[in-house]
Amino acid sequence: MIAEGSKATKSKCTSQREPARGTLPGTWKPPESAWQHELLRRLPSIDPTQIEESLQQTPTERIERMRRFVEFLEDVRRAGWRPTSEG
């Protein structure tokens, strides 16, 4: 209980970090070495240029591209192609 006449001080919330100088409050700055770069380095079968190409598209363009791919797969399946265990 606060006695009359005394000034109550507001305590700062310590769970939130102050934004770095030159950044807007609420913006996030990624770390220098992001996990996805490490993942790409360890998995040589992933082509980073394809990821970069995809990220240059709008979300609508990416969805349309995937829709056309699914349509192609359905056409192939209807044509009777089945995967085999042979190379």
C-alpha atoms as a PDB file:
ATOM      1  CA  MET A   1       0.000   0.000   0.000  1.00  0.00           C
ATOM      2  CA  ILE A   2       1.279   3.458  -0.901  1.00  0.00           C
ATOM      3  CA  ALA A   3       1.156   6.038   1.849  1.00  0.00           C
ATOM      4  CA  GLU A   4      -0.547   9.346   1.132  1.00  0.00           C
ATOM      5  CA  GLY A   5       1.764  12.046  -0.147  1.00  0.00           C
ATOM      6  CA  SER A   6       4.336   9.623  -1.531  1.00  0.00           C
ATOM      7  CA  LYS A   7       4.988   9.429  -5.243  1.00  0.00           C
ATOM      8  CA  ALA A   8       4.389   6.103  -6.924  1.00  0.00           C
ATOM      9  CA  THR A   9       6.926   5.361  -9.618  1.00  0.00           C
ATOM     10  CA  LYS A  10       6.191   3.299 -12.665  1.00  0.00           C
ATOM     11  CA  SER A  11       8.535   0.370 -13.142  1.00  0.00           C
ATOM     12  CA  LYS A  12       9.790  -0.422 -16.612  1.00  0.00           C
ATOM     13  CA  CYS A  13       8.813  -3.738 -18.084  1.00  0.00           C
ATOM     14  CA  THR A  14      12.031  -5.715 -18.335  1.00  0.00           C
ATOM     15  CA  SER A  15      10.620  -8.448 -20.584  1.00  0.00           C
ATOM     16  CA  GLN A  16      10.656  -6.224 -23.689  1.00  0.00           C
ATOM     17  CA  ARG A  17      13.889  -4.995 -25.214  1.00  0.00           C
ATOM     18  CA  GLU A  18      14.401  -1.442 -26.326  1.00  0.00           C
ATOM     19  CA  PRO A  19      14.605  -1.105 -30.133  1.00  0.00           C
ATOM     20  CA  ALA A  20      18.052  -0.463 -31.557  1.00  0.00           C
ATOM     21  CA  ARG A  21      18.856   3.044 -32.719  1.00  0.00           C
ATOM     22  CA  GLY A  22      17.561   3.736 -36.204  1.00  0.00           C
ATOM     23  CA  THR A  23      14.833   1.088 -36.056  1.00  0.00           C
ATOM     24  CA  LEU A  24      11.128   1.550 -35.601  1.00  0.00           C
ATOM     25  CA  PRO A  25       9.528   0.226 -32.428  1.00  0.00           C
ATOM     26  CA  GLY A  26       8.083  -3.208 -33.080  1.00  0.00           C
ATOM     27  CA  THR A  27      10.422  -4.042 -35.977  1.00  0.00           C
ATOM     28  CA  TRP A  28      12.655  -7.073 -35.888  1.00  0.00           C
ATOM     29  CA  LYS A  29      16.224  -7.222 -37.099  1.00  0.00           C
ATOM     30  CA  PRO A  30      17.365 -10.737 -38.060  1.00  0.00           C
ATOM     31  CA  PRO A  31      20.553 -12.129 -36.570  1.00  0.00           C
ATOM     32  CA  GLU A  32      23.695 -12.068 -38.689  1.00  0.00           C
ATOM     33  CA  SER A  33      23.628 -15.824 -39.346  1.00  0.00           C
ATOM     34  CA  ALA A  34      20.037 -16.915 -39.816  1.00  0.00           C
ATOM     35  CA  TRP A  35      19.104 -20.593 -39.383  1.00  0.00           C
ATOM     36  CA  GLN A  36      17.863 -20.896 -42.969  1.00  0.00           C
ATOM     37  CA  HIS A  37      21.312 -20.055 -44.347  1.00  0.00           C
ATOM     38  CA  GLU A  38      22.857 -22.815 -42.239  1.00  0.00           C
ATOM     39  CA  LEU A  39      20.160 -25.236 -43.446  1.00  0.00           C
ATOM     40  CA  LEU A  40      20.819 -24.365 -47.098  1.00  0.00           C
ATOM     41  CA  ARG A  41      24.536 -24.868 -46.558  1.00  0.00           C
ATOM     42  CA  ARG A  42      24.018 -28.338 -45.078  1.00  0.00           C
ATOM     43  CA  LEU A  43      21.492 -29.552 -47.659  1.00  0.00           C
ATOM     44  CA  PRO A  44      23.184 -29.407 -51.058  1.00  0.00           C
ATOM     45  CA  SER A  45      20.055 -30.611 -52.884  1.00  0.00           C
ATOM     46  CA  ILE A  46      18.306 -27.308 -52.158  1.00  0.00           C
ATOM     47  CA  ASP A  47      18.889 -24.648 -54.801  1.00  0.00           C
ATOM     48  CA  PRO A  48      18.913 -21.213 -53.117  1.00  0.00           C
ATOM     49  CA  THR A  49      18.296 -19.494 -56.457  1.00  0.00           C
ATOM     50  CA  GLN A  50      14.872 -21.161 -56.657  1.00  0.00           C
ATOM     51  CA  ILE A  51      14.022 -19.836 -53.196  1.00  0.00           C
ATOM     52  CA  GLU A  52      15.166 -16.344 -54.183  1.00  0.00           C
ATOM     53  CA  GLU A  53      13.084 -16.538 -57.373  1.00  0.00           C
ATOM     54  CA  SER A  54      10.035 -17.602 -55.393  1.00  0.00           C
ATOM     55  CA  LEU A  55      10.463 -14.799 -52.869  1.00  0.00           C
ATOM     56  CA  GLN A  56      10.488 -12.241 -55.680  1.00  0.00           C
ATOM     57  CA  GLN A  57       6.947 -13.304 -56.597  1.00  0.00           C
ATOM     58  CA  THR A  58       3.855 -12.041 -54.838  1.00  0.00           C
ATOM     59  CA  PRO A  59       1.968 -14.527 -52.633  1.00  0.00           C
ATOM     60  CA  THR A  60      -0.766 -14.646 -55.289  1.00  0.00           C
ATOM     61  CA  GLU A  61       1.789 -15.517 -57.986  1.00  0.00           C
ATOM     62  CA  ARG A  62       3.258 -18.290 -55.811  1.00  0.00           C
ATOM     63  CA  ILE A  63      -0.189 -19.766 -55.169  1.00  0.00           C
ATOM     64  CA  GLU A  64      -1.041 -19.641 -58.880  1.00  0.00           C
ATOM     65  CA  ARG A  65       2.243 -21.369 -59.727  1.00  0.00           C
ATOM     66  CA  MET A  66       1.504 -24.127 -57.194  1.00  0.00           C
ATOM     67  CA  ARG A  67      -2.082 -24.463 -58.490  1.00  0.00           C
ATOM     68  CA  ARG A  68      -0.771 -25.018 -62.035  1.00  0.00           C
ATOM     69  CA  PHE A  69       1.715 -27.620 -60.728  1.00  0.00           C
ATOM     70  CA  VAL A  70      -1.045 -29.520 -58.900  1.00  0.00           C
ATOM     71  CA  GLU A  71      -3.162 -29.387 -62.067  1.00  0.00           C
ATOM     72  CA  PHE A  72      -0.227 -30.888 -64.003  1.00  0.00           C
ATOM     73  CA  LEU A  73       0.183 -33.686 -61.441  1.00  0.00           C
ATOM     74  CA  GLU A  74      -3.533 -34.498 -61.637  1.00  0.00           C
ATOM     75  CA  ASP A  75      -3.291 -34.681 -65.454  1.00  0.00           C
ATOM     76  CA  VAL A  76      -0.323 -37.061 -65.207  1.00  0.00           C
ATOM     77  CA  ARG A  77      -2.182 -39.239 -62.711  1.00  0.00           C
ATOM     78  CA  ARG A  78      -5.300 -39.353 -64.912  1.00  0.00           C
ATOM     79  CA  ALA A  79      -3.089 -40.417 -67.835  1.00  0.00           C
ATOM     80  CA  GLY A  80      -2.212 -43.523 -65.855  1.00  0.00           C
ATOM     81  CA  TRP A  81       1.367 -42.826 -64.805  1.00  0.00           C
ATOM     82  CA  ARG A  82       2.388 -44.538 -61.597  1.00  0.00           C
ATOM     83  CA  PRO A  83       5.752 -44.186 -59.849  1.00  0.00           C
ATOM     84  CA  THR A  84       7.956 -47.279 -59.913  1.00  0.00           C
ATOM     85  CA  SER A  85      10.759 -48.375 -57.647  1.00  0.00           C
ATOM     86  CA  GLU A  86      13.110 -48.575 -60.653  1.00  0.00           C
ATOM     87  CA  GLY A  87      15.576 -45.692 -61.109  1.00  0.00           C
END
